Amino acid sequence: MAASAFVDFNLDGYPDIVMVGVSGINPMVPAAFFYVNNKMGGFTLTPNSITPVYQACMDTGDYNGDSYPDILVCGANSASDTTGQCSIYLNNKNLTFTNINAGLEG
């Protein structure tokens, strides 16, 4: 299971893409991908600090009221985990995100 969103994370008027969940490359390994819109009809894979999870669900919103979208990611730590975790990633306004360690169970 995977989750994705088209959101303008850097407020440049072009939607970017974030994806979390199991990778199509290796379905036994979770992955997190962040693609920045290159404004020429394509996207550039960008390093990110989002912790990959199994059975992912995700949402975006402006958690801290600064107009930049933040990311909520929930999922399991392993393929057999039934408890899960949820993390809030604060948008640093430079195409990077910081896990605020909210301590949410998912």
N, C-alpha and C. Protein backbone atom coordinates (compact mmCIF):
# COMPACT_ATOMS: atom_id res chain seq x y z
N MET A 1 0.84 -1.17 0.00
CA MET A 1 0.00 0.00 0.00
C MET A 1 0.89 1.23 0.00
N ALA A 2 0.46 2.25 -0.72
CA ALA A 2 1.23 3.49 -0.80
C ALA A 2 0.28 4.68 -0.81
N ALA A 3 0.84 5.84 -0.56
CA ALA A 3 0.08 7.08 -0.58
C ALA A 3 0.88 8.14 -1.31
N SER A 4 0.17 9.06 -1.95
CA SER A 4 0.87 10.13 -2.67
C SER A 4 0.02 11.39 -2.65
N ALA A 5 0.67 12.51 -2.95
CA ALA A 5 -0.03 13.78 -3.00
C ALA A 5 0.67 14.72 -3.98
N PHE A 6 -0.13 15.49 -4.71
CA PHE A 6 0.35 16.61 -5.52
C PHE A 6 0.12 17.87 -4.71
N VAL A 7 1.16 18.52 -4.26
CA VAL A 7 1.04 19.72 -3.43
C VAL A 7 2.18 20.67 -3.79
N ASP A 8 1.91 21.96 -3.79
CA ASP A 8 2.95 22.96 -4.07
C ASP A 8 3.70 23.27 -2.78
N PHE A 9 4.71 22.46 -2.49
CA PHE A 9 5.43 22.58 -1.22
C PHE A 9 6.31 23.82 -1.12
N ASN A 10 6.79 24.35 -2.24
CA ASN A 10 7.66 25.54 -2.19
C ASN A 10 6.94 26.81 -2.64
N LEU A 11 5.65 26.75 -2.82
CA LEU A 11 4.80 27.90 -3.15
C LEU A 11 5.27 28.65 -4.40
N ASP A 12 5.73 27.90 -5.40
CA ASP A 12 6.16 28.52 -6.66
C ASP A 12 5.08 28.46 -7.72
N GLY A 13 3.90 27.94 -7.36
CA GLY A 13 2.80 27.86 -8.30
C GLY A 13 2.74 26.56 -9.08
N TYR A 14 3.67 25.63 -8.83
CA TYR A 14 3.72 24.36 -9.52
C TYR A 14 3.63 23.23 -8.51
N PRO A 15 2.73 22.25 -8.71
CA PRO A 15 2.60 21.16 -7.74
C PRO A 15 3.80 20.22 -7.76
N ASP A 16 4.23 19.84 -6.59
CA ASP A 16 5.30 18.87 -6.40
C ASP A 16 4.63 17.54 -6.01
N ILE A 17 5.41 16.47 -5.89
CA ILE A 17 4.85 15.15 -5.57
C ILE A 17 5.59 14.55 -4.38
N VAL A 18 4.83 14.00 -3.44
CA VAL A 18 5.42 13.21 -2.35
C VAL A 18 4.73 11.84 -2.37
N MET A 19 5.52 10.77 -2.21
CA MET A 19 5.00 9.41 -2.20
C MET A 19 5.66 8.63 -1.07
N VAL A 20 4.87 7.84 -0.34
CA VAL A 20 5.39 6.97 0.70
C VAL A 20 4.71 5.61 0.61
N GLY A 21 5.40 4.58 1.05
CA GLY A 21 4.87 3.23 1.04
C GLY A 21 5.89 2.27 0.49
N VAL A 22 5.42 1.11 0.04
CA VAL A 22 6.34 0.15 -0.52
C VAL A 22 6.70 0.56 -1.94
N SER A 23 7.92 0.30 -2.30
CA SER A 23 8.45 0.70 -3.60
C SER A 23 8.12 -0.32 -4.66
N GLY A 24 7.87 0.14 -5.86
CA GLY A 24 7.69 -0.76 -6.98
C GLY A 24 8.97 -1.46 -7.35
N ILE A 25 10.10 -0.89 -6.95
CA ILE A 25 11.40 -1.49 -7.22
C ILE A 25 11.59 -2.75 -6.38
N ASN A 26 11.25 -2.66 -5.09
CA ASN A 26 11.35 -3.80 -4.19
C ASN A 26 10.16 -3.72 -3.23
N PRO A 27 9.09 -4.49 -3.48
CA PRO A 27 7.88 -4.38 -2.67
C PRO A 27 8.04 -4.80 -1.21
N MET A 28 9.19 -5.34 -0.84
CA MET A 28 9.43 -5.72 0.55
C MET A 28 10.12 -4.61 1.34
N VAL A 29 10.45 -3.52 0.68
CA VAL A 29 11.17 -2.43 1.33
C VAL A 29 10.37 -1.14 1.18
N PRO A 30 10.01 -0.47 2.29
CA PRO A 30 9.27 0.78 2.17
C PRO A 30 10.18 1.89 1.64
N ALA A 31 9.56 2.88 1.04
CA ALA A 31 10.32 3.98 0.45
C ALA A 31 9.55 5.29 0.62
N ALA A 32 10.26 6.39 0.52
CA ALA A 32 9.66 7.72 0.52
C ALA A 32 10.34 8.53 -0.58
N PHE A 33 9.55 9.11 -1.45
CA PHE A 33 10.09 9.87 -2.58
C PHE A 33 9.49 11.28 -2.57
N PHE A 34 10.32 12.26 -2.87
CA PHE A 34 9.87 13.65 -2.99
C PHE A 34 10.38 14.18 -4.32
N TYR A 35 9.44 14.57 -5.17
CA TYR A 35 9.77 15.09 -6.50
C TYR A 35 9.37 16.56 -6.59
N VAL A 36 10.31 17.38 -7.00
CA VAL A 36 10.06 18.81 -7.17
C VAL A 36 9.73 19.08 -8.64
N ASN A 37 8.69 19.84 -8.87
CA ASN A 37 8.29 20.20 -10.21
C ASN A 37 9.37 21.09 -10.83
N ASN A 38 9.87 20.69 -12.00
CA ASN A 38 10.95 21.47 -12.63
C ASN A 38 10.43 22.58 -13.54
N LYS A 39 9.13 22.79 -13.57
CA LYS A 39 8.47 23.87 -14.32
C LYS A 39 8.63 23.72 -15.83
N MET A 40 9.07 22.53 -16.28
CA MET A 40 9.22 22.26 -17.71
C MET A 40 8.48 20.98 -18.10
N GLY A 41 7.47 20.61 -17.30
CA GLY A 41 6.70 19.41 -17.59
C GLY A 41 7.23 18.15 -16.95
N GLY A 42 8.20 18.27 -16.06
CA GLY A 42 8.78 17.10 -15.40
C GLY A 42 9.03 17.35 -13.93
N PHE A 43 9.65 16.36 -13.30
CA PHE A 43 9.92 16.42 -11.87
C PHE A 43 11.34 15.95 -11.60
N THR A 44 11.94 16.49 -10.53
CA THR A 44 13.29 16.12 -10.12
C THR A 44 13.23 15.44 -8.76
N LEU A 45 13.75 14.20 -8.70
CA LEU A 45 13.81 13.49 -7.42
C LEU A 45 14.74 14.25 -6.49
N THR A 46 14.27 14.53 -5.27
CA THR A 46 15.00 15.36 -4.32
C THR A 46 15.21 14.57 -3.02
N PRO A 47 16.40 14.61 -2.44
CA PRO A 47 16.61 13.94 -1.15
C PRO A 47 15.62 14.45 -0.11
N ASN A 48 15.19 13.55 0.77
CA ASN A 48 14.23 13.95 1.79
C ASN A 48 14.50 13.21 3.09
N SER A 49 13.87 13.67 4.16
CA SER A 49 14.07 13.08 5.49
C SER A 49 12.83 12.32 5.96
N ILE A 50 11.92 12.01 5.06
CA ILE A 50 10.70 11.31 5.43
C ILE A 50 11.02 9.84 5.68
N THR A 51 10.63 9.35 6.85
CA THR A 51 10.88 7.95 7.20
C THR A 51 9.92 7.06 6.43
N PRO A 52 10.44 6.12 5.64
CA PRO A 52 9.56 5.20 4.91
C PRO A 52 8.79 4.29 5.86
N VAL A 53 7.54 4.00 5.52
CA VAL A 53 6.71 3.11 6.33
C VAL A 53 5.95 2.14 5.44
N TYR A 54 5.56 1.02 6.02
CA TYR A 54 4.68 0.06 5.36
C TYR A 54 3.24 0.52 5.57
N GLN A 55 2.33 0.07 4.71
CA GLN A 55 0.90 0.36 4.85
C GLN A 55 0.66 1.85 5.04
N ALA A 56 1.26 2.64 4.19
CA ALA A 56 1.30 4.09 4.36
C ALA A 56 -0.04 4.77 4.08
N CYS A 57 -0.28 5.80 4.86
CA CYS A 57 -1.30 6.79 4.55
C CYS A 57 -0.68 8.15 4.83
N MET A 58 -1.18 9.16 4.16
CA MET A 58 -0.52 10.45 4.24
C MET A 58 -1.54 11.55 3.99
N ASP A 59 -1.27 12.71 4.56
CA ASP A 59 -2.07 13.89 4.28
C ASP A 59 -1.15 15.09 4.37
N THR A 60 -1.58 16.19 3.81
CA THR A 60 -0.81 17.43 3.88
C THR A 60 -1.70 18.55 4.40
N GLY A 61 -1.09 19.52 5.00
CA GLY A 61 -1.80 20.68 5.52
C GLY A 61 -0.80 21.62 6.17
N ASP A 62 -1.25 22.79 6.48
CA ASP A 62 -0.37 23.79 7.08
C ASP A 62 -0.46 23.69 8.60
N TYR A 63 0.35 22.82 9.18
CA TYR A 63 0.32 22.52 10.61
C TYR A 63 0.62 23.74 11.47
N ASN A 64 1.58 24.57 11.07
CA ASN A 64 2.03 25.67 11.93
C ASN A 64 1.59 27.05 11.45
N GLY A 65 0.75 27.13 10.43
CA GLY A 65 0.18 28.41 10.02
C GLY A 65 1.14 29.34 9.28
N ASP A 66 2.19 28.80 8.64
CA ASP A 66 3.14 29.66 7.93
C ASP A 66 2.90 29.70 6.42
N SER A 67 1.79 29.12 5.96
CA SER A 67 1.37 29.05 4.56
C SER A 67 2.07 27.96 3.76
N TYR A 68 3.10 27.31 4.31
CA TYR A 68 3.80 26.22 3.62
C TYR A 68 3.20 24.88 4.05
N PRO A 69 2.84 24.01 3.11
CA PRO A 69 2.25 22.73 3.46
C PRO A 69 3.24 21.81 4.18
N ASP A 70 2.76 21.19 5.25
CA ASP A 70 3.51 20.20 6.00
C ASP A 70 2.94 18.83 5.66
N ILE A 71 3.58 17.76 6.15
CA ILE A 71 3.18 16.40 5.78
C ILE A 71 2.93 15.57 7.03
N LEU A 72 1.83 14.83 7.03
CA LEU A 72 1.54 13.82 8.05
C LEU A 72 1.66 12.46 7.37
N VAL A 73 2.51 11.59 7.91
CA VAL A 73 2.70 10.24 7.37
C VAL A 73 2.41 9.24 8.48
N CYS A 74 1.55 8.26 8.19
CA CYS A 74 1.24 7.20 9.14
C CYS A 74 1.49 5.85 8.47
N GLY A 75 1.91 4.88 9.26
CA GLY A 75 2.13 3.55 8.72
C GLY A 75 2.82 2.67 9.74
N ALA A 76 3.17 1.48 9.28
CA ALA A 76 3.80 0.48 10.14
C ALA A 76 5.31 0.52 9.99
N ASN A 77 6.00 0.19 11.07
CA ASN A 77 7.47 0.17 11.06
C ASN A 77 8.03 -1.04 10.32
N SER A 78 7.25 -2.12 10.22
CA SER A 78 7.69 -3.32 9.52
C SER A 78 6.48 -3.96 8.87
N ALA A 79 6.74 -4.93 8.00
CA ALA A 79 5.65 -5.60 7.29
C ALA A 79 4.72 -6.34 8.24
N SER A 80 5.21 -6.76 9.41
CA SER A 80 4.39 -7.50 10.37
C SER A 80 3.90 -6.65 11.54
N ASP A 81 4.25 -5.38 11.56
CA ASP A 81 3.87 -4.47 12.65
C ASP A 81 2.38 -4.15 12.56
N THR A 82 1.68 -4.23 13.67
CA THR A 82 0.25 -3.89 13.68
C THR A 82 -0.04 -2.62 14.47
N THR A 83 0.97 -2.02 15.09
CA THR A 83 0.73 -0.82 15.90
C THR A 83 0.91 0.45 15.08
N GLY A 84 2.01 0.62 14.42
CA GLY A 84 2.23 1.76 13.54
C GLY A 84 2.67 3.03 14.24
N GLN A 85 2.88 4.03 13.43
CA GLN A 85 3.33 5.33 13.90
C GLN A 85 2.80 6.41 12.97
N CYS A 86 2.72 7.61 13.47
CA CYS A 86 2.38 8.78 12.65
C CYS A 86 3.42 9.86 12.93
N SER A 87 3.89 10.48 11.88
CA SER A 87 4.90 11.54 12.03
C SER A 87 4.44 12.79 11.29
N ILE A 88 4.69 13.93 11.90
CA ILE A 88 4.43 15.21 11.26
C ILE A 88 5.78 15.77 10.80
N TYR A 89 5.86 16.09 9.51
CA TYR A 89 7.07 16.66 8.93
C TYR A 89 6.81 18.12 8.61
N LEU A 90 7.51 18.99 9.32
CA LEU A 90 7.37 20.43 9.16
C LEU A 90 8.15 20.90 7.94
N ASN A 91 7.50 21.67 7.08
CA ASN A 91 8.14 22.21 5.88
C ASN A 91 9.13 23.30 6.30
N ASN A 92 10.41 23.10 5.93
CA ASN A 92 11.46 24.07 6.28
C ASN A 92 11.56 25.22 5.28
N LYS A 93 10.65 25.26 4.31
CA LYS A 93 10.58 26.33 3.30
C LYS A 93 11.75 26.30 2.33
N ASN A 94 12.50 25.21 2.29
CA ASN A 94 13.63 25.09 1.36
C ASN A 94 13.66 23.70 0.72
N LEU A 95 12.48 23.10 0.58
CA LEU A 95 12.31 21.77 -0.01
C LEU A 95 12.88 20.66 0.88
N THR A 96 12.99 20.92 2.17
CA THR A 96 13.34 19.91 3.16
C THR A 96 12.28 19.92 4.25
N PHE A 97 12.23 18.84 5.01
CA PHE A 97 11.23 18.69 6.06
C PHE A 97 11.88 18.16 7.32
N THR A 98 11.33 18.55 8.48
CA THR A 98 11.85 18.09 9.77
C THR A 98 10.74 17.38 10.52
N ASN A 99 11.03 16.16 10.97
CA ASN A 99 10.10 15.40 11.81
C ASN A 99 10.06 16.10 13.16
N ILE A 100 8.86 16.52 13.58
CA ILE A 100 8.76 17.24 14.86
C ILE A 100 8.63 16.29 16.04
N ASN A 101 8.69 14.97 15.78
CA ASN A 101 8.60 13.96 16.85
C ASN A 101 7.38 14.19 17.73
N ALA A 102 6.22 14.21 17.10
CA ALA A 102 4.95 14.49 17.78
C ALA A 102 4.51 13.36 18.70
N GLY A 103 5.10 12.16 18.56
CA GLY A 103 4.75 11.05 19.44
C GLY A 103 3.36 10.49 19.18
N LEU A 104 2.90 10.55 17.96
CA LEU A 104 1.57 10.05 17.60
C LEU A 104 1.63 8.56 17.26
N GLU A 105 0.68 7.80 17.77
CA GLU A 105 0.57 6.39 17.40
C GLU A 105 -0.45 6.29 16.28
N GLY A 106 -0.21 5.34 15.37
CA GLY A 106 -1.12 5.27 14.22
C GLY A 106 -1.76 3.95 14.03
